[in-house]
Amino acid sequence: MLSNMTTGFIRRLRDNDETAWFELWETFGPVIRAQLTKWGRGRVGVETVRDLSQETLAALSNSIERYDPGRGARFSTWLLAIAKHVLGDEIDRRMALKRGGGKSNASFDETWMLAGSEMGVDDAYEAAVFRAKVEAAIRAVEAECDFTDFTIYRMRVFDGTPGKDVADSIGVSEPTVSRRLAKVRELLRVRLREVVTTYSFTKEEMEEAQRNGLELNPNTVGGSGGSAGTPDRSADASFDEAIAEIYHRQMQLRAEDQDLASGGR
């Protein structure tokens, strides 16, 4: 059964909530465009890829009524199946026009909903979809937390700046850097749980963060009798390291997407 957060988001899409559509486009647009470019290289141009990615996201909400979570398909599989369907329709339409005839759109094959369906899903694609979810959580945190706090996290984690240098640059003490770093990290864990829940249809997807080194509910050390204890520093360090790697790879995808949009190669 879909989670309340997932069904709530889909409901917003059905209600033509512009904010929900923007979130969907902003989060998964680059991943879809990269996949369409890979599939359609030499057959479709940059502008067509962007149009097809929009069609893919539109079809996404239209097909939710037929989605059966009990059949085991992941959110990423859903995206891939629709993108492949949309691209196939475009290529078939072009071939029909060359032959001087028309072609109606093909019906959407729902065998993609089976967990074992041969959709051509590979590890690179799955990883790209997960990174898009992580980036969405990072954007949410940046928008809502204190500017200085996020700057500290960015410098310390994304840029790899030593704590002492961050403290000197911001004009605070190193303990203050550590406290603010922890504050942003905890908020990021909260937003990651929300994003993963929103875009997850299977138990496997819900566990994806931990498999990628992002422990969202770390144990504490020394807690007893209901006391919180102290944070697990090793878990925090692993979390920051994984977040930094994902962030940099996602920024590379964004740069490549922007390069394509501007006609670059």
Protein backbone atom coordinates (compact mmCIF):
# COMPACT_ATOMS: atom_id res chain seq x y z
CA MET A 1 0.00 0.00 0.00
CA LEU A 2 1.27 3.47 -0.85
CA SER A 3 2.28 5.74 2.04
CA ASN A 4 0.25 8.80 2.98
CA MET A 5 3.04 11.05 1.73
CA THR A 6 3.12 9.29 -1.63
CA THR A 7 -0.63 9.34 -2.13
CA GLY A 8 -0.76 12.97 -0.96
CA PHE A 9 1.79 13.99 -3.55
CA ILE A 10 0.00 12.10 -6.33
CA ARG A 11 -3.24 13.77 -5.28
CA ARG A 12 -1.58 17.15 -5.71
CA LEU A 13 -0.49 16.15 -9.22
CA ARG A 14 -4.02 15.07 -10.12
CA ASP A 15 -5.33 18.39 -8.81
CA ASN A 16 -2.89 20.21 -11.13
CA ASP A 17 -0.99 21.71 -8.21
CA GLU A 18 1.68 23.76 -9.99
CA THR A 19 4.07 23.47 -7.04
CA ALA A 20 3.85 19.68 -7.12
CA TRP A 21 4.51 19.62 -10.86
CA PHE A 22 7.51 21.89 -10.42
CA GLU A 23 8.88 19.63 -7.67
CA LEU A 24 8.53 16.60 -9.93
CA TRP A 25 10.14 18.36 -12.89
CA GLU A 26 12.95 19.85 -10.81
CA THR A 27 13.74 16.55 -9.09
CA PHE A 28 13.57 13.99 -11.89
CA GLY A 29 13.75 16.03 -15.09
CA PRO A 30 17.56 15.75 -15.49
CA VAL A 31 17.51 11.98 -14.89
CA ILE A 32 14.79 11.43 -17.48
CA ARG A 33 16.49 13.67 -20.03
CA ALA A 34 19.79 11.86 -19.55
CA GLN A 35 18.09 8.50 -20.14
CA LEU A 36 16.18 9.74 -23.20
CA THR A 37 19.39 11.21 -24.62
CA LYS A 38 21.15 7.87 -24.12
CA TRP A 39 18.36 5.96 -25.85
CA GLY A 40 17.71 8.43 -28.64
CA ARG A 41 21.25 9.48 -29.54
CA GLY A 42 21.38 10.25 -33.25
CA ARG A 43 17.59 10.06 -33.63
CA VAL A 44 16.19 12.84 -31.45
CA GLY A 45 17.60 16.28 -30.74
CA VAL A 46 17.95 18.26 -27.53
CA GLU A 47 14.64 20.11 -27.85
CA THR A 48 12.77 16.88 -28.55
CA VAL A 49 14.37 15.27 -25.51
CA ARG A 50 13.13 18.12 -23.32
CA ASP A 51 9.62 17.85 -24.80
CA LEU A 52 9.59 14.09 -24.27
CA SER A 53 10.74 14.45 -20.67
CA GLN A 54 7.77 16.72 -20.02
CA GLU A 55 5.45 14.20 -21.66
CA THR A 56 6.95 11.49 -19.47
CA LEU A 57 6.19 13.42 -16.28
CA ALA A 58 2.66 14.19 -17.49
CA ALA A 59 2.03 10.50 -18.20
CA LEU A 60 3.41 9.69 -14.76
CA SER A 61 0.44 11.16 -12.93
CA ASN A 62 -2.08 9.86 -15.47
CA SER A 63 -0.98 6.26 -14.94
CA ILE A 64 -1.07 6.27 -11.13
CA GLU A 65 -4.69 5.13 -11.08
CA ARG A 66 -3.61 1.85 -12.70
CA TYR A 67 -0.63 1.36 -10.42
CA ASP A 68 -0.75 -1.75 -8.24
CA PRO A 69 1.94 -1.59 -5.50
CA GLY A 70 1.35 -5.27 -4.76
CA ARG A 71 2.97 -6.21 -8.07
CA GLY A 72 6.37 -4.97 -6.92
CA ALA A 73 7.41 -2.17 -9.31
CA ARG A 74 9.71 0.57 -8.05
CA PHE A 75 9.17 4.28 -8.65
CA SER A 76 12.29 4.27 -10.84
CA THR A 77 10.85 1.43 -12.95
CA TRP A 78 7.65 3.43 -13.42
CA LEU A 79 9.63 6.42 -14.67
CA LEU A 80 11.71 4.28 -17.02
CA ALA A 81 8.72 2.44 -18.49
CA ILE A 82 6.86 5.66 -19.25
CA ALA A 83 9.93 7.35 -20.73
CA LYS A 84 10.55 4.33 -22.99
CA HIS A 85 6.89 4.34 -24.05
CA VAL A 86 6.94 8.07 -24.85
CA LEU A 87 10.19 7.82 -26.82
CA GLY A 88 8.93 4.78 -28.73
CA ASP A 89 5.77 6.65 -29.71
CA GLU A 90 7.84 9.57 -30.99
CA ILE A 91 10.13 7.37 -33.08
CA ASP A 92 7.18 5.38 -34.48
CA ARG A 93 5.41 8.63 -35.35
CA ARG A 94 8.44 9.86 -37.27
CA MET A 95 8.73 6.59 -39.16
CA ALA A 96 5.03 6.74 -40.06
CA LEU A 97 5.41 10.29 -41.35
CA LYS A 98 8.32 9.19 -43.54
CA ARG A 99 6.08 6.52 -45.02
CA GLY A 100 3.41 9.13 -45.64
CA GLY A 101 0.93 7.84 -43.11
CA GLY A 102 -0.21 8.61 -39.60
CA LYS A 103 0.07 6.58 -36.43
CA SER A 104 -2.05 6.62 -33.31
CA ASN A 105 -0.36 6.42 -29.94
CA ALA A 106 0.27 2.90 -28.68
CA SER A 107 -1.44 1.74 -25.53
CA PHE A 108 0.69 1.74 -22.40
CA ASP A 109 1.84 -1.80 -21.63
CA GLU A 110 1.33 -2.40 -17.90
CA THR A 111 3.65 -5.40 -17.63
CA TRP A 112 6.21 -2.91 -16.29
CA MET A 113 4.43 -3.18 -12.91
CA LEU A 114 5.83 -6.67 -12.38
CA ALA A 115 8.91 -6.68 -10.17
CA GLY A 116 10.75 -9.02 -12.52
CA SER A 117 9.84 -7.26 -15.77
CA GLU A 118 12.65 -6.75 -18.29
CA MET A 119 12.65 -2.97 -18.41
CA GLY A 120 16.35 -2.53 -18.99
CA VAL A 121 16.81 -1.02 -15.53
CA ASP A 122 20.50 -0.92 -14.62
CA ASP A 123 22.41 0.07 -11.51
CA ALA A 124 23.51 3.40 -13.00
CA TYR A 125 19.92 4.45 -13.65
CA GLU A 126 18.73 3.35 -10.20
CA ALA A 127 21.58 5.29 -8.61
CA ALA A 128 20.69 8.41 -10.62
CA VAL A 129 17.08 8.28 -9.44
CA PHE A 130 18.19 7.93 -5.82
CA ARG A 131 20.65 10.83 -6.16
CA ALA A 132 17.80 12.97 -7.47
CA LYS A 133 15.85 12.23 -4.29
CA VAL A 134 18.84 13.18 -2.14
CA GLU A 135 19.31 16.44 -4.03
CA ALA A 136 15.63 17.28 -3.46
CA ALA A 137 16.18 16.88 0.29
CA ILE A 138 19.30 19.06 0.17
CA ARG A 139 17.40 21.81 -1.68
CA ALA A 140 14.64 21.68 0.93
CA VAL A 141 17.13 22.03 3.78
CA GLU A 142 18.94 24.91 2.10
CA ALA A 143 15.64 26.74 1.62
CA GLU A 144 14.49 26.43 5.21
CA CYS A 145 17.54 26.57 7.45
CA ASP A 146 19.65 29.53 8.54
CA PHE A 147 21.95 30.83 5.78
CA THR A 148 25.06 30.67 7.96
CA ASP A 149 24.22 27.17 9.17
CA PHE A 150 23.90 25.83 5.63
CA THR A 151 27.04 27.69 4.54
CA ILE A 152 28.94 25.91 7.30
CA TYR A 153 27.57 22.55 6.17
CA ARG A 154 28.35 23.31 2.54
CA MET A 155 31.93 24.37 3.31
CA ARG A 156 32.63 21.55 5.73
CA VAL A 157 30.93 18.67 3.88
CA PHE A 158 30.53 19.56 0.20
CA ASP A 159 33.73 21.57 -0.13
CA GLY A 160 35.79 19.52 2.34
CA THR A 161 37.06 22.62 4.18
CA PRO A 162 38.75 21.86 7.54
CA GLY A 163 36.72 22.86 10.61
CA LYS A 164 39.28 25.43 11.76
CA ASP A 165 39.25 27.15 8.35
CA VAL A 166 35.45 27.20 8.34
CA ALA A 167 35.44 28.76 11.81
CA ASP A 168 37.94 31.42 10.77
CA SER A 169 36.02 32.20 7.58
CA ILE A 170 32.62 32.50 9.28
CA GLY A 171 33.97 34.19 12.41
CA VAL A 172 32.82 31.63 14.95
CA SER A 173 34.50 29.04 17.17
CA GLU A 174 35.16 25.47 16.10
CA PRO A 175 32.67 24.09 18.67
CA THR A 176 30.04 26.39 17.12
CA VAL A 177 30.87 24.98 13.69
CA SER A 178 30.36 21.45 15.05
CA ARG A 179 27.02 22.34 16.66
CA ARG A 180 25.67 24.02 13.54
CA LEU A 181 26.95 21.20 11.38
CA ALA A 182 25.05 18.71 13.53
CA LYS A 183 21.91 20.84 13.34
CA VAL A 184 21.89 20.87 9.53
CA ARG A 185 22.76 17.17 9.37
CA GLU A 186 19.80 16.26 11.56
CA LEU A 187 17.43 18.40 9.48
CA LEU A 188 18.79 16.77 6.34
CA ARG A 189 18.05 13.34 7.77
CA VAL A 190 14.47 14.42 8.46
CA ARG A 191 13.96 15.78 4.94
CA LEU A 192 15.57 12.70 3.41
CA ARG A 193 13.12 10.47 5.25
CA GLU A 194 10.27 12.58 3.87
CA VAL A 195 11.54 12.59 0.28
CA VAL A 196 12.31 8.88 0.24
CA THR A 197 8.85 8.13 1.65
CA THR A 198 7.15 10.38 -0.92
CA TYR A 199 8.77 8.68 -3.91
CA SER A 200 8.91 5.10 -2.65
CA PHE A 201 6.46 2.36 -3.63
CA THR A 202 8.34 -0.65 -2.29
CA LYS A 203 10.12 -1.72 0.87
CA GLU A 204 13.34 -1.97 -1.13
CA GLU A 205 13.12 1.72 -2.03
CA MET A 206 12.48 2.67 1.59
CA GLU A 207 15.76 0.96 2.52
CA GLU A 208 17.73 2.60 -0.29
CA ALA A 209 19.22 5.37 1.85
CA GLN A 210 20.88 2.97 4.25
CA ARG A 211 22.28 0.88 1.39
CA ASN A 212 23.90 4.06 0.06
CA GLY A 213 25.58 4.89 3.36
CA LEU A 214 22.94 7.35 4.56
CA GLU A 215 21.88 6.19 8.02
CA LEU A 216 18.72 8.19 8.71
CA ASN A 217 18.14 6.88 12.24
CA PRO A 218 21.61 6.49 13.78
CA ASN A 219 22.07 4.94 17.18
CA THR A 220 23.36 7.06 20.02
CA VAL A 221 26.16 6.13 22.38
CA GLY A 222 25.69 5.96 26.13
CA GLY A 223 21.92 6.47 26.25
CA SER A 224 19.91 4.52 28.81
CA GLY A 225 16.58 4.68 30.54
CA GLY A 226 15.12 6.87 27.83
CA SER A 227 18.05 9.29 27.69
CA ALA A 228 19.22 10.29 24.24
CA GLY A 229 22.93 9.67 24.74
CA THR A 230 25.48 11.24 22.41
CA PRO A 231 25.44 11.06 18.62
CA ASP A 232 27.28 8.23 16.88
CA ARG A 233 30.20 10.17 15.40
CA SER A 234 31.17 7.39 13.02
CA ALA A 235 27.63 7.27 11.61
CA ASP A 236 27.64 11.05 11.21
CA ALA A 237 31.00 11.00 9.42
CA SER A 238 29.83 8.24 7.07
CA PHE A 239 26.61 10.14 6.40
CA ASP A 240 28.49 13.34 5.50
CA GLU A 241 30.90 11.45 3.26
CA ALA A 242 28.06 9.72 1.39
CA ILE A 243 26.09 12.95 1.05
CA ALA A 244 29.12 14.76 -0.38
CA GLU A 245 29.73 12.07 -3.00
CA ILE A 246 26.08 12.02 -4.05
CA TYR A 247 25.92 15.82 -4.15
CA HIS A 248 28.96 16.14 -6.42
CA ARG A 249 27.72 13.47 -8.82
CA GLN A 250 24.34 15.15 -8.97
CA MET A 251 25.94 18.52 -9.68
CA GLN A 252 27.82 16.87 -12.55
CA LEU A 253 24.50 15.61 -13.96
CA ARG A 254 23.04 19.11 -13.61
CA ALA A 255 26.01 20.59 -15.48
CA GLU A 256 25.66 18.05 -18.29
CA ASP A 257 21.93 18.73 -18.47
CA GLN A 258 22.56 22.47 -18.70
CA ASP A 259 25.21 21.90 -21.35
CA LEU A 260 22.72 19.97 -23.47
CA ALA A 261 20.09 22.68 -22.99
CA SER A 262 22.50 25.29 -24.30
CA GLY A 263 23.43 23.17 -27.32
CA GLY A 264 26.80 22.01 -25.99
CA ARG A 265 28.40 18.61 -26.36
